[in-house]
Amino acid sequence: MKKKPIFVEIEINAPIEEAWTYTQNPKLHEQWDLRFTSITYMEKNSPEEPQRFTYETKVMPGLTVSGWGESKGEHQKGNGSKTSSLHFGTPQKISPIAEGKGYWRYIPNDKGLTFLTQYDYDVRYGKLGELFDRVFRPIMGWATALSFDVLKRWLEKGENPSSQYRRFFLTILISVLFCFVWLYHGLVPKVMVQHPTEVMMIEELLGGENSHASQIVKWIGIAEIIFALFWLLPRAKRFLFGAQILLFPLITLGAIFADKTIVTAPFNPVTFNLALWVMSIIGFVLCQDMPSAKSCKRKRGK
């Protein structure tokens, strides 16, 4: 199957010259572009030379990929649009990207500009590299789109990229935590094991011993597993956080009503649910107006 180049397009309500500065200045570029940790321009011997640069991408602590690149200049059209073509690559064998080419295009409009990119690259390691690229290429496309939305918000609203990325990744981290909490408590003590305390609390809420309590616990566990999976969706995070802000106090009151002795137990539901309630409030605040790759167009129009 023929690979498709990565294409990303976004509308930005800002002057084209300002967008040009924030994308062509290396110290500004490295702040919003998730694909690069640092970019260093090399000195040019003449204005006509392509702008050569080196870059580094910190994949994880102790693992950094470095490479080279050059911007082959700027082309000014009659309608005021600009284009910057790029050539990039890395000699490091750890990188699946060997060498690639692409461009940035800046097209002015009534509200600001349309900013778009298209790029492609060759992979290493033959068929194995092509197989890995089926996973890596969508990740690169997503990282490009997310970076474009971060740039858009920086230019339009003035929120610096570090603040945006901090909110974004903290929200992801809290979402993964809640996914694990709901999945574990739905699967282990309710569906797989059916802990006696879980059954006892349902019986108390129903007014005494009930033959259906075990089945009810199981269905509650299934509902919690489904709710856990919703946390893996890329959207609706604010709705989920809001639902939990209302839900955790009710769950806590229900647990106390079923068994008042749990209040004095170590690591009891009161303190546990309170901690999750506070985390829900933090998540609710963090995820407001969060950057998203969904803000970008990922396929060329007609």
Protein backbone atom coordinates (compact mmCIF):
# COMPACT_ATOMS: atom_id res chain seq x y z
CA MET A 1 0.00 0.00 0.00
CA LYS A 2 1.39 3.37 -1.03
CA LYS A 3 2.09 5.65 1.90
CA LYS A 4 0.38 9.03 2.02
CA PRO A 5 2.26 12.24 2.87
CA ILE A 6 1.35 13.91 6.16
CA PHE A 7 -0.92 16.88 5.60
CA VAL A 8 -2.14 19.34 8.25
CA GLU A 9 -4.04 22.61 7.77
CA ILE A 10 -5.40 25.14 10.26
CA GLU A 11 -7.01 28.58 10.20
CA ILE A 12 -5.26 31.19 12.38
CA ASN A 13 -6.70 34.61 13.22
CA ALA A 14 -3.38 36.45 13.23
CA PRO A 15 -1.29 38.50 10.78
CA ILE A 16 0.71 36.43 8.34
CA GLU A 17 3.97 38.18 9.31
CA GLU A 18 3.45 37.24 12.95
CA ALA A 19 2.83 33.61 12.03
CA TRP A 20 5.96 33.68 9.86
CA THR A 21 8.03 34.94 12.79
CA TYR A 22 6.72 32.33 15.23
CA THR A 23 7.45 29.51 12.78
CA GLN A 24 10.76 30.69 11.30
CA ASN A 25 12.44 31.90 14.49
CA PRO A 26 14.05 28.74 15.96
CA LYS A 27 13.66 29.82 19.61
CA LEU A 28 9.94 30.40 19.07
CA HIS A 29 9.48 27.37 16.81
CA GLU A 30 10.89 24.89 19.31
CA GLN A 31 8.42 26.09 21.96
CA TRP A 32 5.22 25.14 20.11
CA ASP A 33 6.34 22.23 17.91
CA LEU A 34 6.00 18.95 19.82
CA ARG A 35 8.28 17.20 17.32
CA PHE A 36 11.39 19.17 18.33
CA THR A 37 13.04 19.85 21.67
CA SER A 38 15.61 22.31 20.32
CA ILE A 39 16.44 23.90 16.95
CA THR A 40 19.73 25.68 16.20
CA TYR A 41 20.29 27.73 13.05
CA MET A 42 23.75 27.62 11.47
CA GLU A 43 25.38 30.82 10.26
CA LYS A 44 24.90 31.57 6.56
CA ASN A 45 27.81 32.72 4.39
CA SER A 46 25.45 34.66 2.12
CA PRO A 47 21.76 35.65 2.17
CA GLU A 48 21.09 33.45 -0.89
CA GLU A 49 22.16 30.24 0.87
CA PRO A 50 19.54 27.88 2.29
CA GLN A 51 19.13 28.21 6.05
CA ARG A 52 20.75 25.12 7.54
CA PHE A 53 19.96 23.98 11.06
CA THR A 54 20.34 21.14 13.51
CA TYR A 55 17.61 19.80 15.76
CA GLU A 56 17.15 17.53 18.76
CA THR A 57 14.11 15.59 19.90
CA LYS A 58 14.07 14.16 23.40
CA VAL A 59 12.11 10.92 23.08
CA MET A 60 12.47 10.05 26.76
CA PRO A 61 14.98 10.71 29.56
CA GLY A 62 18.37 9.56 28.33
CA LEU A 63 17.23 9.09 24.72
CA THR A 64 17.59 11.98 22.25
CA VAL A 65 17.43 11.92 18.46
CA SER A 66 19.38 14.63 16.65
CA GLY A 67 19.36 15.51 12.96
CA TRP A 68 19.91 18.13 10.31
CA GLY A 69 17.74 20.25 8.08
CA GLU A 70 17.63 23.17 5.72
CA SER A 71 14.98 25.65 4.76
CA LYS A 72 15.24 26.28 1.05
CA GLY A 73 13.93 29.79 1.16
CA GLU A 74 10.80 31.84 1.03
CA HIS A 75 8.63 32.42 -2.01
CA GLN A 76 6.36 35.49 -2.08
CA LYS A 77 3.39 35.21 -4.43
CA GLY A 78 1.22 37.99 -5.85
CA ASN A 79 -1.61 37.21 -3.41
CA GLY A 80 0.69 37.66 -0.41
CA SER A 81 1.16 33.98 0.38
CA LYS A 82 4.48 32.57 1.48
CA THR A 83 6.07 29.13 1.20
CA SER A 84 9.01 27.64 3.05
CA SER A 85 10.31 24.32 1.70
CA LEU A 86 12.20 21.96 4.01
CA HIS A 87 14.69 19.15 3.67
CA PHE A 88 15.51 17.16 6.79
CA GLY A 89 17.02 13.92 8.03
CA THR A 90 19.08 12.19 10.69
CA PRO A 91 22.01 9.75 10.57
CA GLN A 92 20.96 8.13 13.87
CA LYS A 93 19.89 4.51 13.36
CA ILE A 94 17.46 4.70 16.26
CA SER A 95 15.25 7.06 14.26
CA PRO A 96 12.77 5.40 11.87
CA ILE A 97 13.05 8.52 9.67
CA ALA A 98 16.08 8.56 7.38
CA GLU A 99 15.39 11.62 5.22
CA GLY A 100 12.40 13.66 4.16
CA LYS A 101 11.10 16.74 2.40
CA GLY A 102 8.13 19.03 2.84
CA TYR A 103 6.90 22.58 2.96
CA TRP A 104 4.99 25.13 5.01
CA ARG A 105 2.53 27.42 3.26
CA TYR A 106 1.05 30.66 4.58
CA ILE A 107 -2.06 31.86 2.72
CA PRO A 108 -3.62 35.15 3.85
CA ASN A 109 -7.40 35.47 4.19
CA ASP A 110 -9.95 37.92 5.62
CA LYS A 111 -9.48 36.73 9.22
CA GLY A 112 -5.74 36.06 9.18
CA LEU A 113 -4.23 33.13 7.36
CA THR A 114 -4.46 29.49 6.44
CA PHE A 115 -1.34 27.72 7.68
CA LEU A 116 -0.63 24.29 6.20
CA THR A 117 2.11 21.74 5.81
CA GLN A 118 2.73 18.63 3.81
CA TYR A 119 5.76 16.40 4.23
CA ASP A 120 6.93 12.89 3.57
CA TYR A 121 9.97 10.86 4.50
CA ASP A 122 11.86 7.64 3.78
CA VAL A 123 12.12 5.00 6.50
CA ARG A 124 14.94 2.71 7.52
CA TYR A 125 15.04 -1.08 7.81
CA GLY A 126 13.10 -2.00 4.67
CA LYS A 127 9.82 -3.88 5.13
CA LEU A 128 10.20 -3.87 8.91
CA GLY A 129 10.55 -0.08 8.87
CA GLU A 130 7.50 0.25 6.60
CA LEU A 131 5.48 -1.92 8.98
CA PHE A 132 6.51 0.19 11.98
CA ASP A 133 5.71 3.35 10.01
CA ARG A 134 2.04 2.33 9.88
CA VAL A 135 1.97 3.17 13.59
CA PHE A 136 4.61 5.91 13.62
CA ARG A 137 3.20 7.97 10.72
CA PRO A 138 -0.23 8.57 12.35
CA ILE A 139 1.58 9.59 15.55
CA MET A 140 3.66 12.11 13.60
CA GLY A 141 0.50 13.44 11.92
CA TRP A 142 -1.22 13.77 15.31
CA ALA A 143 1.82 15.53 16.85
CA THR A 144 1.94 17.96 13.92
CA ALA A 145 -1.78 18.75 14.21
CA LEU A 146 -1.61 19.21 17.98
CA SER A 147 1.40 21.51 17.56
CA PHE A 148 -0.46 23.60 14.97
CA ASP A 149 -3.37 24.09 17.37
CA VAL A 150 -0.94 25.07 20.15
CA LEU A 151 0.58 27.65 17.79
CA LYS A 152 -2.90 28.93 16.87
CA ARG A 153 -3.83 29.42 20.53
CA TRP A 154 -0.50 31.09 21.24
CA LEU A 155 -1.03 33.61 18.44
CA GLU A 156 -4.74 34.20 19.05
CA LYS A 157 -5.02 34.02 22.85
CA GLY A 158 -1.49 34.61 24.10
CA GLU A 159 -1.26 31.38 26.13
CA ASN A 160 2.34 30.17 25.90
CA PRO A 161 2.92 26.63 24.61
CA SER A 162 4.47 25.28 27.83
CA SER A 163 1.27 26.12 29.71
CA GLN A 164 -0.85 24.50 27.02
CA TYR A 165 1.19 21.29 26.94
CA ARG A 166 1.24 21.16 30.74
CA ARG A 167 -2.55 21.26 30.86
CA PHE A 168 -2.84 18.79 28.00
CA PHE A 169 -0.56 16.09 29.40
CA LEU A 170 -1.76 16.52 32.99
CA THR A 171 -5.31 15.96 31.74
CA ILE A 172 -4.17 12.83 29.91
CA LEU A 173 -2.40 11.58 33.04
CA ILE A 174 -5.46 12.15 35.26
CA SER A 175 -7.69 10.51 32.63
CA VAL A 176 -5.50 7.39 32.58
CA LEU A 177 -5.64 7.31 36.39
CA PHE A 178 -9.46 7.41 36.40
CA CYS A 179 -9.59 4.79 33.66
CA PHE A 180 -7.49 2.47 35.83
CA VAL A 181 -9.47 3.20 39.01
CA TRP A 182 -12.87 2.50 37.46
CA LEU A 183 -11.60 -0.51 35.50
CA TYR A 184 -9.95 -2.09 38.54
CA HIS A 185 -12.85 -1.50 40.93
CA GLY A 186 -15.37 -2.70 38.38
CA LEU A 187 -13.47 -5.78 37.27
CA VAL A 188 -11.72 -7.13 40.39
CA PRO A 189 -13.96 -6.72 43.48
CA LYS A 190 -17.27 -6.81 41.58
CA VAL A 191 -17.03 -9.05 38.50
CA MET A 192 -14.07 -11.39 39.07
CA VAL A 193 -14.04 -11.87 42.86
CA GLN A 194 -17.28 -10.35 44.17
CA HIS A 195 -15.88 -9.18 47.48
CA PRO A 196 -18.27 -9.85 50.43
CA THR A 197 -18.21 -6.17 51.42
CA GLU A 198 -19.52 -5.16 48.00
CA VAL A 199 -22.42 -7.64 48.29
CA MET A 200 -23.10 -6.65 51.89
CA MET A 201 -23.37 -2.94 51.03
CA ILE A 202 -25.92 -3.67 48.28
CA GLU A 203 -27.93 -5.81 50.67
CA GLU A 204 -27.94 -3.00 53.24
CA LEU A 205 -29.11 -0.50 50.65
CA LEU A 206 -31.91 -2.92 49.64
CA GLY A 207 -33.04 -3.33 53.23
CA GLY A 208 -31.56 -6.71 54.16
CA GLU A 209 -30.42 -10.02 52.68
CA ASN A 210 -31.31 -10.24 49.02
CA SER A 211 -30.76 -13.09 46.59
CA HIS A 212 -30.21 -10.64 43.74
CA ALA A 213 -27.46 -8.65 45.49
CA SER A 214 -24.66 -10.62 43.86
CA GLN A 215 -26.11 -10.10 40.38
CA ILE A 216 -26.59 -6.37 41.05
CA VAL A 217 -22.94 -6.08 42.14
CA LYS A 218 -21.90 -7.75 38.89
CA TRP A 219 -23.92 -5.32 36.76
CA ILE A 220 -22.56 -2.35 38.71
CA GLY A 221 -19.06 -3.68 37.96
CA ILE A 222 -19.85 -3.94 34.24
CA ALA A 223 -21.15 -0.35 34.28
CA GLU A 224 -17.93 0.82 35.95
CA ILE A 225 -15.85 -0.99 33.31
CA ILE A 226 -17.80 0.75 30.53
CA PHE A 227 -17.36 4.10 32.29
CA ALA A 228 -13.60 3.39 32.52
CA LEU A 229 -13.41 2.90 28.75
CA PHE A 230 -15.02 6.31 28.15
CA TRP A 231 -11.89 7.85 29.71
CA LEU A 232 -9.87 6.54 26.75
CA LEU A 233 -11.88 8.61 24.26
CA PRO A 234 -10.11 11.75 23.01
CA ARG A 235 -13.11 13.99 23.72
CA ALA A 236 -15.78 14.63 26.38
CA LYS A 237 -13.22 14.83 29.19
CA ARG A 238 -14.87 17.90 30.73
CA PHE A 239 -18.23 16.10 30.80
CA LEU A 240 -16.66 13.06 32.52
CA PHE A 241 -14.91 15.21 35.12
CA GLY A 242 -18.15 17.09 35.76
CA ALA A 243 -20.09 13.84 36.15
CA GLN A 244 -17.60 12.63 38.75
CA ILE A 245 -17.81 15.88 40.72
CA LEU A 246 -21.50 15.06 41.22
CA LEU A 247 -21.05 11.29 41.49
CA PHE A 248 -18.35 10.86 44.15
CA PRO A 249 -20.26 12.59 47.01
CA LEU A 250 -23.29 10.37 46.24
CA ILE A 251 -21.15 7.21 46.20
CA THR A 252 -19.55 8.22 49.51
CA LEU A 253 -22.91 8.88 51.19
CA GLY A 254 -24.22 5.56 49.88
CA ALA A 255 -21.23 3.68 51.29
CA ILE A 256 -21.62 5.35 54.70
CA PHE A 257 -25.36 4.61 54.75
CA ALA A 258 -24.67 0.93 53.96
CA ASP A 259 -21.95 0.53 56.61
CA LYS A 260 -21.16 3.34 59.06
CA THR A 261 -18.11 1.49 60.39
CA ILE A 262 -16.14 2.13 57.16
CA VAL A 263 -15.64 5.76 58.25
CA THR A 264 -13.08 4.68 60.86
CA ALA A 265 -11.38 2.00 58.71
CA PRO A 266 -7.87 2.66 57.31
CA PHE A 267 -7.82 3.90 53.70
CA ASN A 268 -11.61 4.02 53.77
CA PRO A 269 -13.97 5.11 50.95
CA VAL A 270 -14.48 8.52 52.55
CA THR A 271 -10.85 9.62 52.16
CA PHE A 272 -10.40 7.71 48.88
CA ASN A 273 -13.47 9.26 47.25
CA LEU A 274 -12.55 12.70 48.60
CA ALA A 275 -9.15 12.45 46.89
CA LEU A 276 -10.81 11.40 43.61
CA TRP A 277 -13.35 14.22 43.96
CA VAL A 278 -10.57 16.79 44.29
CA MET A 279 -8.75 15.25 41.29
CA SER A 280 -11.99 15.56 39.32
CA ILE A 281 -12.20 19.27 40.11
CA ILE A 282 -8.56 19.76 39.06
CA GLY A 283 -9.18 17.87 35.82
CA PHE A 284 -12.35 19.85 35.15
CA VAL A 285 -10.39 23.11 35.39
CA LEU A 286 -7.35 21.88 33.43
CA CYS A 287 -9.23 20.54 30.43
CA GLN A 288 -11.14 23.73 29.68
CA ASP A 289 -10.35 24.95 26.16
CA MET A 290 -7.54 22.43 25.77
CA PRO A 291 -5.49 22.18 22.54
CA SER A 292 -6.55 19.39 20.23
CA ALA A 293 -5.38 17.82 16.97
CA LYS A 294 -9.07 17.74 16.00
CA SER A 295 -8.88 21.48 15.32
CA CYS A 296 -6.89 20.80 12.15
CA LYS A 297 -7.82 19.57 8.72
CA ARG A 298 -5.90 16.37 8.01
CA LYS A 299 -6.87 15.72 4.37
CA ARG A 300 -6.62 17.91 1.34
CA GLY A 301 -9.86 19.39 0.01
CA LYS A 302 -10.82 19.55 -3.59
